[in-house]
Amino acid sequence: MTRYEPWSLLNQLQRELERSFEGSRAGTDTAATAEWTPAVDIKEEVNRYVLWADLPGVSPEHIDITMENGILTLKGERSTEAKVQREGIKRVERVFGTFYRRFSLPDTADSDGISARCSNGVLEISIPKKAAVQPKKINVTGEG
């Protein structure tokens, strides 16, 4: 007998719709093949933007971060070794496999200074802001 869980079906539908939407925006089908989407928080600070992604169970060597044409791409994989341990489990909510997220960065982001670190299953990406272009004061000289 299988237990009917309508919320899991709704969550699955939402994930599929998000993947389709991300794939069409990104111009690639990679998002459509992603098996899960990590939760992300983004904060703007005075000198930088900070992005935190929940990636429990993902080792840093399985995370790939790239920056191209103002788009920050975060992709990787949570090991599928734990799938073997799922036999006999009554409820499965944790997902494994590939993930994929893309973020458009503002023009003020300095792509050369981006850094990332992972601690306790949370990936923190620090994106510094470009030094503000200050208006140049031009002195006017006169005769007499």
C-alpha atoms as a PDB file:
ATOM      1  CA  MET A   1       0.000   0.000   0.000  1.00  0.00           C
ATOM      2  CA  THR A   2       1.321   3.449  -0.927  1.00  0.00           C
ATOM      3  CA  ARG A   3       0.477   6.490   1.132  1.00  0.00           C
ATOM      4  CA  TYR A   4      -1.039   9.382  -0.818  1.00  0.00           C
ATOM      5  CA  GLU A   5       0.790  12.636  -0.096  1.00  0.00           C
ATOM      6  CA  PRO A   6      -0.686  15.543  -2.106  1.00  0.00           C
ATOM      7  CA  TRP A   7       1.865  18.076  -0.837  1.00  0.00           C
ATOM      8  CA  SER A   8       4.782  16.091  -2.213  1.00  0.00           C
ATOM      9  CA  LEU A   9       3.100  16.068  -5.623  1.00  0.00           C
ATOM     10  CA  LEU A  10       2.547  19.813  -5.448  1.00  0.00           C
ATOM     11  CA  ASN A  11       6.175  20.399  -4.400  1.00  0.00           C
ATOM     12  CA  GLN A  12       7.375  18.216  -7.264  1.00  0.00           C
ATOM     13  CA  LEU A  13       5.237  20.184  -9.736  1.00  0.00           C
ATOM     14  CA  GLN A  14       6.615  23.471  -8.392  1.00  0.00           C
ATOM     15  CA  ARG A  15      10.211  22.226  -8.775  1.00  0.00           C
ATOM     16  CA  GLU A  16       9.533  21.123 -12.357  1.00  0.00           C
ATOM     17  CA  LEU A  17       8.017  24.504 -13.233  1.00  0.00           C
ATOM     18  CA  GLU A  18      10.986  26.348 -11.679  1.00  0.00           C
ATOM     19  CA  ARG A  19      13.428  24.193 -13.630  1.00  0.00           C
ATOM     20  CA  SER A  20      11.579  24.851 -16.884  1.00  0.00           C
ATOM     21  CA  PHE A  21      11.501  28.586 -16.251  1.00  0.00           C
ATOM     22  CA  GLU A  22      15.198  28.745 -15.327  1.00  0.00           C
ATOM     23  CA  GLY A  23      16.114  26.715 -18.403  1.00  0.00           C
ATOM     24  CA  SER A  24      14.244  29.039 -20.755  1.00  0.00           C
ATOM     25  CA  ARG A  25      15.801  32.133 -19.156  1.00  0.00           C
ATOM     26  CA  ALA A  26      19.257  30.679 -19.211  1.00  0.00           C
ATOM     27  CA  GLY A  27      19.097  29.579 -22.828  1.00  0.00           C
ATOM     28  CA  THR A  28      20.243  26.097 -21.895  1.00  0.00           C
ATOM     29  CA  ASP A  29      18.609  22.833 -20.938  1.00  0.00           C
ATOM     30  CA  THR A  30      20.944  22.186 -17.988  1.00  0.00           C
ATOM     31  CA  ALA A  31      18.388  23.525 -15.491  1.00  0.00           C
ATOM     32  CA  ALA A  32      15.748  21.166 -16.828  1.00  0.00           C
ATOM     33  CA  THR A  33      17.973  18.210 -15.974  1.00  0.00           C
ATOM     34  CA  ALA A  34      18.769  19.417 -12.432  1.00  0.00           C
ATOM     35  CA  GLU A  35      17.271  17.163  -9.784  1.00  0.00           C
ATOM     36  CA  TRP A  36      16.937  19.766  -7.039  1.00  0.00           C
ATOM     37  CA  THR A  37      17.273  23.481  -6.362  1.00  0.00           C
ATOM     38  CA  PRO A  38      19.098  24.741  -3.260  1.00  0.00           C
ATOM     39  CA  ALA A  39      17.513  27.479  -1.158  1.00  0.00           C
ATOM     40  CA  VAL A  40      19.372  30.785  -1.488  1.00  0.00           C
ATOM     41  CA  ASP A  41      19.441  34.061   0.466  1.00  0.00           C
ATOM     42  CA  ILE A  42      20.955  37.231  -1.025  1.00  0.00           C
ATOM     43  CA  LYS A  43      21.945  40.360   0.866  1.00  0.00           C
ATOM     44  CA  GLU A  44      23.321  43.680  -0.326  1.00  0.00           C
ATOM     45  CA  GLU A  45      25.856  45.295   1.972  1.00  0.00           C
ATOM     46  CA  VAL A  46      27.712  48.587   1.591  1.00  0.00           C
ATOM     47  CA  ASN A  47      30.748  47.115  -0.164  1.00  0.00           C
ATOM     48  CA  ARG A  48      29.511  43.743  -1.402  1.00  0.00           C
ATOM     49  CA  TYR A  49      26.687  41.372  -2.212  1.00  0.00           C
ATOM     50  CA  VAL A  50      26.508  38.118  -0.258  1.00  0.00           C
ATOM     51  CA  LEU A  51      24.775  34.957  -1.413  1.00  0.00           C
ATOM     52  CA  TRP A  52      24.174  32.007   0.923  1.00  0.00           C
ATOM     53  CA  ALA A  53      23.082  28.653  -0.509  1.00  0.00           C
ATOM     54  CA  ASP A  54      21.997  25.672   1.578  1.00  0.00           C
ATOM     55  CA  LEU A  55      24.019  22.719   0.306  1.00  0.00           C
ATOM     56  CA  PRO A  56      24.009  20.109   3.088  1.00  0.00           C
ATOM     57  CA  GLY A  57      25.776  16.941   2.088  1.00  0.00           C
ATOM     58  CA  VAL A  58      27.545  18.578  -0.859  1.00  0.00           C
ATOM     59  CA  SER A  59      31.315  18.534  -0.634  1.00  0.00           C
ATOM     60  CA  PRO A  60      33.129  21.672  -1.885  1.00  0.00           C
ATOM     61  CA  GLU A  61      34.838  19.733  -4.676  1.00  0.00           C
ATOM     62  CA  HIS A  62      31.384  18.986  -6.149  1.00  0.00           C
ATOM     63  CA  ILE A  63      30.450  22.684  -6.400  1.00  0.00           C
ATOM     64  CA  ASP A  64      31.130  24.660  -9.578  1.00  0.00           C
ATOM     65  CA  ILE A  65      30.749  28.449  -9.597  1.00  0.00           C
ATOM     66  CA  THR A  66      31.259  30.468 -12.774  1.00  0.00           C
ATOM     67  CA  MET A  67      30.755  34.080 -13.778  1.00  0.00           C
ATOM     68  CA  GLU A  68      30.149  35.023 -17.391  1.00  0.00           C
ATOM     69  CA  ASN A  69      28.501  38.077 -18.962  1.00  0.00           C
ATOM     70  CA  GLY A  70      27.050  39.257 -15.659  1.00  0.00           C
ATOM     71  CA  ILE A  71      25.545  35.843 -14.843  1.00  0.00           C
ATOM     72  CA  LEU A  72      26.698  33.917 -11.773  1.00  0.00           C
ATOM     73  CA  THR A  73      26.109  30.185 -12.212  1.00  0.00           C
ATOM     74  CA  LEU A  74      26.065  27.771  -9.302  1.00  0.00           C
ATOM     75  CA  LYS A  75      25.920  24.066 -10.077  1.00  0.00           C
ATOM     76  CA  GLY A  76      27.039  20.814  -8.592  1.00  0.00           C
ATOM     77  CA  GLU A  77      25.935  17.497  -7.234  1.00  0.00           C
ATOM     78  CA  ARG A  78      24.920  15.934  -3.947  1.00  0.00           C
ATOM     79  CA  SER A  79      26.326  12.415  -3.869  1.00  0.00           C
ATOM     80  CA  THR A  80      23.939   9.672  -4.851  1.00  0.00           C
ATOM     81  CA  GLU A  81      25.668   7.125  -2.590  1.00  0.00           C
ATOM     82  CA  ALA A  82      22.949   7.639   0.011  1.00  0.00           C
ATOM     83  CA  LYS A  83      20.304   6.409  -2.456  1.00  0.00           C
ATOM     84  CA  VAL A  84      21.448   2.867  -1.729  1.00  0.00           C
ATOM     85  CA  GLN A  85      20.535   3.395   1.920  1.00  0.00           C
ATOM     86  CA  ARG A  86      16.930   4.276   0.981  1.00  0.00           C
ATOM     87  CA  GLU A  87      15.704   0.701   0.750  1.00  0.00           C
ATOM     88  CA  GLY A  88      13.051   0.106   3.371  1.00  0.00           C
ATOM     89  CA  ILE A  89      12.620   3.788   4.160  1.00  0.00           C
ATOM     90  CA  LYS A  90       8.979   4.762   4.649  1.00  0.00           C
ATOM     91  CA  ARG A  91       9.291   8.440   3.748  1.00  0.00           C
ATOM     92  CA  VAL A  92      11.761  10.142   1.415  1.00  0.00           C
ATOM     93  CA  GLU A  93      12.050  13.941   1.383  1.00  0.00           C
ATOM     94  CA  ARG A  94      15.764  14.553   0.824  1.00  0.00           C
ATOM     95  CA  VAL A  95      16.844  14.784  -2.784  1.00  0.00           C
ATOM     96  CA  PHE A  96      20.140  13.819  -4.349  1.00  0.00           C
ATOM     97  CA  GLY A  97      21.770  14.468  -7.676  1.00  0.00           C
ATOM     98  CA  THR A  98      22.567  17.607  -9.618  1.00  0.00           C
ATOM     99  CA  PHE A  99      21.542  21.178  -8.818  1.00  0.00           C
ATOM    100  CA  TYR A 100      21.698  24.344 -10.901  1.00  0.00           C
ATOM    101  CA  ARG A 101      21.016  28.043 -10.168  1.00  0.00           C
ATOM    102  CA  ARG A 102      21.769  31.215 -12.136  1.00  0.00           C
ATOM    103  CA  PHE A 103      21.765  34.823 -10.930  1.00  0.00           C
ATOM    104  CA  SER A 104      21.986  38.052 -12.894  1.00  0.00           C
ATOM    105  CA  LEU A 105      24.411  40.384 -11.143  1.00  0.00           C
ATOM    106  CA  PRO A 106      24.121  44.170 -11.245  1.00  0.00           C
ATOM    107  CA  ASP A 107      26.660  46.255 -13.156  1.00  0.00           C
ATOM    108  CA  THR A 108      28.182  47.324  -9.845  1.00  0.00           C
ATOM    109  CA  ALA A 109      29.410  43.762  -9.122  1.00  0.00           C
ATOM    110  CA  ASP A 110      33.176  43.226  -9.412  1.00  0.00           C
ATOM    111  CA  SER A 111      33.516  39.808 -11.034  1.00  0.00           C
ATOM    112  CA  ASP A 112      37.285  39.721 -10.487  1.00  0.00           C
ATOM    113  CA  GLY A 113      36.946  39.731  -6.693  1.00  0.00           C
ATOM    114  CA  ILE A 114      34.319  37.004  -6.189  1.00  0.00           C
ATOM    115  CA  SER A 115      35.179  34.492  -3.478  1.00  0.00           C
ATOM    116  CA  ALA A 116      33.378  31.486  -2.030  1.00  0.00           C
ATOM    117  CA  ARG A 117      33.640  29.287   1.034  1.00  0.00           C
ATOM    118  CA  CYS A 118      31.586  26.411   2.349  1.00  0.00           C
ATOM    119  CA  SER A 119      31.023  25.733   6.046  1.00  0.00           C
ATOM    120  CA  ASN A 120      28.541  23.410   7.764  1.00  0.00           C
ATOM    121  CA  GLY A 121      26.582  22.827   4.560  1.00  0.00           C
ATOM    122  CA  VAL A 122      26.179  26.524   3.740  1.00  0.00           C
ATOM    123  CA  LEU A 123      27.971  28.009   0.741  1.00  0.00           C
ATOM    124  CA  GLU A 124      28.763  31.719   1.091  1.00  0.00           C
ATOM    125  CA  ILE A 125      29.633  33.653  -2.065  1.00  0.00           C
ATOM    126  CA  SER A 126      31.002  37.162  -1.564  1.00  0.00           C
ATOM    127  CA  ILE A 127      30.703  39.499  -4.551  1.00  0.00           C
ATOM    128  CA  PRO A 128      32.469  42.825  -4.009  1.00  0.00           C
ATOM    129  CA  LYS A 129      31.117  46.008  -5.516  1.00  0.00           C
ATOM    130  CA  LYS A 130      33.203  48.025  -7.937  1.00  0.00           C
ATOM    131  CA  ALA A 131      34.745  51.164  -6.549  1.00  0.00           C
ATOM    132  CA  ALA A 132      32.294  53.953  -7.170  1.00  0.00           C
ATOM    133  CA  VAL A 133      33.277  56.216  -9.984  1.00  0.00           C
ATOM    134  CA  GLN A 134      33.595  59.612  -8.422  1.00  0.00           C
ATOM    135  CA  PRO A 135      32.868  62.700 -10.505  1.00  0.00           C
ATOM    136  CA  LYS A 136      36.025  64.503 -11.489  1.00  0.00           C
ATOM    137  CA  LYS A 137      36.187  68.150 -10.459  1.00  0.00           C
ATOM    138  CA  ILE A 138      37.437  70.338 -13.264  1.00  0.00           C
ATOM    139  CA  ASN A 139      38.802  73.693 -12.246  1.00  0.00           C
ATOM    140  CA  VAL A 140      38.010  76.672 -14.391  1.00  0.00           C
ATOM    141  CA  THR A 141      40.729  79.250 -14.759  1.00  0.00           C
ATOM    142  CA  GLY A 142      40.253  82.735 -15.996  1.00  0.00           C
ATOM    143  CA  GLU A 143      42.299  85.673 -17.101  1.00  0.00           C
ATOM    144  CA  GLY A 144      42.704  88.666 -14.950  1.00  0.00           C
END
